[in-house]
PDB file of all heavy atoms in Angstrom:
ATOM      1  N   GLU A   1      94.982  83.729  96.897  1.00  0.00           N
ATOM      2  CA  GLU A   1      96.345  84.058  97.352  1.00  0.00           C
ATOM      3  C   GLU A   1      97.061  84.942  96.330  1.00  0.00           C
ATOM      4  O   GLU A   1      97.746  85.901  96.704  1.00  0.00           O
ATOM      5  CB  GLU A   1      97.141  82.777  97.596  1.00  0.00           C
ATOM      6  CG  GLU A   1      96.666  82.004  98.817  1.00  0.00           C
ATOM      7  CD  GLU A   1      97.185  80.577  98.873  1.00  0.00           C
ATOM      8  OE1 GLU A   1      98.160  80.237  98.149  1.00  0.00           O
ATOM      9  OE2 GLU A   1      96.606  79.781  99.643  1.00  0.00           O
ATOM     10  N   LEU A   2      96.888  84.629  95.051  1.00  0.00           N
ATOM     11  CA  LEU A   2      97.508  85.428  93.993  1.00  0.00           C
ATOM     12  C   LEU A   2      97.018  86.874  94.069  1.00  0.00           C
ATOM     13  O   LEU A   2      97.810  87.812  94.041  1.00  0.00           O
ATOM     14  CB  LEU A   2      97.202  84.832  92.605  1.00  0.00           C
ATOM     15  CG  LEU A   2      97.559  85.708  91.396  1.00  0.00           C
ATOM     16  CD1 LEU A   2      99.064  85.901  91.289  1.00  0.00           C
ATOM     17  CD2 LEU A   2      97.020  85.093  90.109  1.00  0.00           C
ATOM     18  N   MET A   3      95.698  87.044  94.181  1.00  0.00           N
ATOM     19  CA  MET A   3      95.146  88.399  94.213  1.00  0.00           C
ATOM     20  C   MET A   3      95.545  89.131  95.498  1.00  0.00           C
ATOM     21  O   MET A   3      95.817  90.321  95.471  1.00  0.00           O
ATOM     22  CB  MET A   3      93.623  88.369  94.040  1.00  0.00           C
ATOM     23  CG  MET A   3      93.164  87.830  92.681  1.00  0.00           C
ATOM     24  SD  MET A   3      94.090  88.447  91.249  1.00  0.00           S
ATOM     25  CE  MET A   3      93.645  90.175  91.258  1.00  0.00           C
ATOM     26  N   GLU A   4      95.613  88.401  96.618  1.00  0.00           N
ATOM     27  CA  GLU A   4      96.052  89.027  97.877  1.00  0.00           C
ATOM     28  C   GLU A   4      97.495  89.511  97.758  1.00  0.00           C
ATOM     29  O   GLU A   4      97.841  90.559  98.283  1.00  0.00           O
ATOM     30  CB  GLU A   4      95.904  88.040  99.040  1.00  0.00           C
ATOM     31  CG  GLU A   4      94.465  87.882  99.488  1.00  0.00           C
ATOM     32  CD  GLU A   4      94.236  86.688 100.408  1.00  0.00           C
ATOM     33  OE1 GLU A   4      95.216  86.116 100.929  1.00  0.00           O
ATOM     34  OE2 GLU A   4      93.057  86.328 100.584  1.00  0.00           O
ATOM     35  N   SER A   5      98.320  88.754  97.012  1.00  0.00           N
ATOM     36  CA  SER A   5      99.721  89.158  96.834  1.00  0.00           C
ATOM     37  C   SER A   5      99.820  90.439  96.002  1.00  0.00           C
ATOM     38  O   SER A   5     100.853  91.097  95.989  1.00  0.00           O
ATOM     39  CB  SER A   5     100.533  88.030  96.175  1.00  0.00           C
ATOM     40  OG  SER A   5     100.267  87.949  94.785  1.00  0.00           O
ATOM     41  N   LYS A   6      98.744  90.811  95.315  1.00  0.00           N
ATOM     42  CA  LYS A   6      98.679  92.053  94.531  1.00  0.00           C
ATOM     43  C   LYS A   6      97.861  93.108  95.281  1.00  0.00           C
ATOM     44  O   LYS A   6      97.386  94.068  94.680  1.00  0.00           O
ATOM     45  CB  LYS A   6      98.028  91.808  93.161  1.00  0.00           C
ATOM     46  CG  LYS A   6      98.561  90.632  92.380  1.00  0.00           C
ATOM     47  CD  LYS A   6      99.986  90.820  91.954  1.00  0.00           C
ATOM     48  CE  LYS A   6     100.459  89.622  91.156  1.00  0.00           C
ATOM     49  NZ  LYS A   6     101.842  89.278  91.397  1.00  0.00           N
ATOM     50  N   ASP A   7      97.660  92.882  96.573  1.00  0.00           N
ATOM     51  CA  ASP A   7      96.835  93.771  97.401  1.00  0.00           C
ATOM     52  C   ASP A   7      95.435  93.944  96.828  1.00  0.00           C
ATOM     53  O   ASP A   7      94.885  95.047  96.773  1.00  0.00           O
ATOM     54  CB  ASP A   7      97.496  95.146  97.587  1.00  0.00           C
ATOM     55  CG  ASP A   7      98.777  95.048  98.392  1.00  0.00           C
ATOM     56  OD1 ASP A   7      98.821  94.224  99.318  1.00  0.00           O
ATOM     57  OD2 ASP A   7      99.731  95.777  98.069  1.00  0.00           O
ATOM     58  N   SER A   8      94.882  92.833  96.367  1.00  0.00           N
ATOM     59  CA  SER A   8      93.548  92.865  95.787  1.00  0.00           C
ATOM     60  C   SER A   8      92.804  91.605  96.233  1.00  0.00           C
ATOM     61  O   SER A   8      93.263  90.890  97.116  1.00  0.00           O
ATOM     62  CB  SER A   8      93.654  92.946  94.256  1.00  0.00           C
ATOM     63  OG  SER A   8      92.403  93.292  93.709  1.00  0.00           O
ATOM     64  N   GLN A   9      91.650  91.354  95.602  1.00  0.00           N
ATOM     65  CA  GLN A   9      90.858  90.172  95.935  1.00  0.00           C
ATOM     66  C   GLN A   9      89.900  89.850  94.801  1.00  0.00           C
ATOM     67  O   GLN A   9      89.691  90.681  93.913  1.00  0.00           O
ATOM     68  CB  GLN A   9      90.063  90.416  97.215  1.00  0.00           C
ATOM     69  CG  GLN A   9      89.007  91.510  97.042  1.00  0.00           C
ATOM     70  CD  GLN A   9      88.088  91.661  98.225  1.00  0.00           C
ATOM     71  OE1 GLN A   9      87.903  90.729  98.986  1.00  0.00           O
ATOM     72  NE2 GLN A   9      87.485  92.842  98.380  1.00  0.00           N
ATOM     73  N   ILE A  10      89.308  88.668  94.871  1.00  0.00           N
ATOM     74  CA  ILE A  10      88.211  88.334  93.965  1.00  0.00           C
ATOM     75  C   ILE A  10      86.967  88.941  94.595  1.00  0.00           C
ATOM     76  O   ILE A  10      86.668  88.681  95.763  1.00  0.00           O
ATOM     77  CB  ILE A  10      88.053  86.794  93.810  1.00  0.00           C
ATOM     78  CG1 ILE A  10      89.290  86.188  93.142  1.00  0.00           C
ATOM     79  CG2 ILE A  10      86.786  86.466  93.030  1.00  0.00           C
ATOM     80  CD1 ILE A  10      89.588  86.698  91.739  1.00  0.00           C
ATOM     81  N   ASN A  11      86.260  89.782  93.847  1.00  0.00           N
ATOM     82  CA  ASN A  11      85.079  90.446  94.382  1.00  0.00           C
ATOM     83  C   ASN A  11      83.806  89.629  94.206  1.00  0.00           C
ATOM     84  O   ASN A  11      82.892  89.728  95.015  1.00  0.00           O
ATOM     85  CB  ASN A  11      84.868  91.806  93.713  1.00  0.00           C
ATOM     86  CG  ASN A  11      86.066  92.702  93.899  1.00  0.00           C
ATOM     87  OD1 ASN A  11      86.968  92.707  93.069  1.00  0.00           O
ATOM     88  ND2 ASN A  11      86.111  93.438  94.996  1.00  0.00           N
ATOM     89  N   ALA A  12      83.752  88.849  93.104  1.00  0.00           N
ATOM     90  CA  ALA A  12      82.520  88.106  92.827  1.00  0.00           C
ATOM     91  C   ALA A  12      82.765  86.953  91.881  1.00  0.00           C
ATOM     92  O   ALA A  12      83.639  87.018  91.017  1.00  0.00           O
ATOM     93  CB  ALA A  12      81.479  89.042  92.209  1.00  0.00           C
ATOM     94  N   MET A  13      81.976  85.905  92.078  1.00  0.00           N
ATOM     95  CA  MET A  13      81.860  84.850  91.080  1.00  0.00           C
ATOM     96  C   MET A  13      80.489  85.053  90.464  1.00  0.00           C
ATOM     97  O   MET A  13      79.468  84.969  91.137  1.00  0.00           O
ATOM     98  CB  MET A  13      81.927  83.460  91.705  1.00  0.00           C
ATOM     99  CG  MET A  13      81.702  82.369  90.653  1.00  0.00           C
ATOM    100  SD  MET A  13      80.890  80.939  91.357  1.00  0.00           S
ATOM    101  CE  MET A  13      81.594  79.640  90.392  1.00  0.00           C
ATOM    102  N   VAL A  14      80.473  85.404  89.182  1.00  0.00           N
ATOM    103  CA  VAL A  14      79.217  85.598  88.458  1.00  0.00           C
ATOM    104  C   VAL A  14      79.001  84.358  87.604  1.00  0.00           C
ATOM    105  O   VAL A  14      79.819  84.040  86.743  1.00  0.00           O
ATOM    106  CB  VAL A  14      79.266  86.863  87.571  1.00  0.00           C
ATOM    107  CG1 VAL A  14      78.006  86.980  86.742  1.00  0.00           C
ATOM    108  CG2 VAL A  14      79.469  88.106  88.431  1.00  0.00           C
ATOM    109  N   ALA A  15      77.924  83.636  87.906  1.00  0.00           N
ATOM    110  CA  ALA A  15      77.626  82.399  87.184  1.00  0.00           C
ATOM    111  C   ALA A  15      76.410  82.605  86.285  1.00  0.00           C
ATOM    112  O   ALA A  15      75.330  82.953  86.771  1.00  0.00           O
ATOM    113  CB  ALA A  15      77.370  81.266  88.171  1.00  0.00           C
ATOM    114  N   LEU A  16      76.619  82.409  84.988  1.00  0.00           N
ATOM    115  CA  LEU A  16      75.504  82.496  84.045  1.00  0.00           C
ATOM    116  C   LEU A  16      74.710  81.198  84.140  1.00  0.00           C
ATOM    117  O   LEU A  16      75.262  80.113  83.949  1.00  0.00           O
ATOM    118  CB  LEU A  16      76.028  82.695  82.626  1.00  0.00           C
ATOM    119  CG  LEU A  16      76.699  84.032  82.363  1.00  0.00           C
ATOM    120  CD1 LEU A  16      77.373  84.040  80.997  1.00  0.00           C
ATOM    121  CD2 LEU A  16      75.684  85.155  82.446  1.00  0.00           C
ATOM    122  N   GLU A  17      73.441  81.325  84.468  1.00  0.00           N
ATOM    123  CA  GLU A  17      72.588  80.152  84.639  1.00  0.00           C
ATOM    124  C   GLU A  17      71.659  80.021  83.443  1.00  0.00           C
ATOM    125  O   GLU A  17      70.875  80.936  83.152  1.00  0.00           O
ATOM    126  CB  GLU A  17      71.811  80.274  85.953  1.00  0.00           C
ATOM    127  CG  GLU A  17      72.760  80.317  87.153  1.00  0.00           C
ATOM    128  CD  GLU A  17      72.085  80.657  88.466  1.00  0.00           C
ATOM    129  OE1 GLU A  17      70.938  81.168  88.450  1.00  0.00           O
ATOM    130  OE2 GLU A  17      72.715  80.415  89.513  1.00  0.00           O
ATOM    131  N   VAL A  18      71.804  78.886  82.749  1.00  0.00           N
ATOM    132  CA  VAL A  18      71.045  78.638  81.525  1.00  0.00           C
ATOM    133  C   VAL A  18      70.547  77.195  81.558  1.00  0.00           C
ATOM    134  O   VAL A  18      71.334  76.284  81.837  1.00  0.00           O
ATOM    135  CB  VAL A  18      71.940  78.847  80.271  1.00  0.00           C
ATOM    136  CG1 VAL A  18      71.157  78.631  78.992  1.00  0.00           C
ATOM    137  CG2 VAL A  18      72.569  80.239  80.286  1.00  0.00           C
ATOM    138  N   PRO A  19      69.253  76.961  81.270  1.00  0.00           N
ATOM    139  CA  PRO A  19      68.745  75.587  81.254  1.00  0.00           C
ATOM    140  C   PRO A  19      69.502  74.720  80.235  1.00  0.00           C
ATOM    141  O   PRO A  19      69.892  75.200  79.162  1.00  0.00           O
ATOM    142  CB  PRO A  19      67.276  75.745  80.851  1.00  0.00           C
ATOM    143  CG  PRO A  19      66.936  77.169  81.142  1.00  0.00           C
ATOM    144  CD  PRO A  19      68.216  77.944  80.971  1.00  0.00           C
ATOM    145  N   ASP A  20      69.679  73.452  80.583  1.00  0.00           N
ATOM    146  CA  ASP A  20      70.430  72.526  79.726  1.00  0.00           C
ATOM    147  C   ASP A  20      69.928  72.494  78.284  1.00  0.00           C
ATOM    148  O   ASP A  20      70.722  72.468  77.350  1.00  0.00           O
ATOM    149  CB  ASP A  20      70.398  71.105  80.302  1.00  0.00           C
ATOM    150  CG  ASP A  20      71.190  70.991  81.595  1.00  0.00           C
ATOM    151  OD1 ASP A  20      71.792  72.000  82.021  1.00  0.00           O
ATOM    152  OD2 ASP A  20      71.207  69.885  82.178  1.00  0.00           O
ATOM    153  N   GLU A  21      68.610  72.481  78.105  1.00  0.00           N
ATOM    154  CA  GLU A  21      68.063  72.376  76.739  1.00  0.00           C
ATOM    155  C   GLU A  21      68.446  73.593  75.895  1.00  0.00           C
ATOM    156  O   GLU A  21      68.705  73.479  74.704  1.00  0.00           O
ATOM    157  CB  GLU A  21      66.541  72.187  76.761  1.00  0.00           C
ATOM    158  CG  GLU A  21      66.111  70.850  77.356  1.00  0.00           C
ATOM    159  CD  GLU A  21      66.862  69.644  76.788  1.00  0.00           C
ATOM    160  OE1 GLU A  21      66.942  69.499  75.556  1.00  0.00           O
ATOM    161  OE2 GLU A  21      67.399  68.849  77.596  1.00  0.00           O
ATOM    162  N   VAL A  22      68.496  74.756  76.521  1.00  0.00           N
ATOM    163  CA  VAL A  22      68.893  75.978  75.813  1.00  0.00           C
ATOM    164  C   VAL A  22      70.376  75.889  75.449  1.00  0.00           C
ATOM    165  O   VAL A  22      70.782  76.253  74.346  1.00  0.00           O
ATOM    166  CB  VAL A  22      68.598  77.243  76.659  1.00  0.00           C
ATOM    167  CG1 VAL A  22      69.125  78.501  75.982  1.00  0.00           C
ATOM    168  CG2 VAL A  22      67.096  77.370  76.924  1.00  0.00           C
ATOM    169  N   LEU A  23      71.188  75.371  76.379  1.00  0.00           N
ATOM    170  CA  LEU A  23      72.621  75.213  76.116  1.00  0.00           C
ATOM    171  C   LEU A  23      72.851  74.281  74.928  1.00  0.00           C
ATOM    172  O   LEU A  23      73.643  74.597  74.031  1.00  0.00           O
ATOM    173  CB  LEU A  23      73.341  74.643  77.343  1.00  0.00           C
ATOM    174  CG  LEU A  23      73.378  75.509  78.585  1.00  0.00           C
ATOM    175  CD1 LEU A  23      73.906  74.706  79.769  1.00  0.00           C
ATOM    176  CD2 LEU A  23      74.237  76.743  78.351  1.00  0.00           C
ATOM    177  N   VAL A  24      72.151  73.150  74.923  1.00  0.00           N
ATOM    178  CA  VAL A  24      72.310  72.167  73.838  1.00  0.00           C
ATOM    179  C   VAL A  24      71.938  72.815  72.507  1.00  0.00           C
ATOM    180  O   VAL A  24      72.675  72.704  71.522  1.00  0.00           O
ATOM    181  CB  VAL A  24      71.454  70.897  74.104  1.00  0.00           C
ATOM    182  CG1 VAL A  24      71.424  69.987  72.882  1.00  0.00           C
ATOM    183  CG2 VAL A  24      71.986  70.145  75.328  1.00  0.00           C
TER     184      VAL A  24
END
């Protein structure tokens, strides 16, 4: 709604996928 009020939008959700052991 916020972005629409600025005549824009969310184009993408980019999720970084990393195995738990690497994160730890």
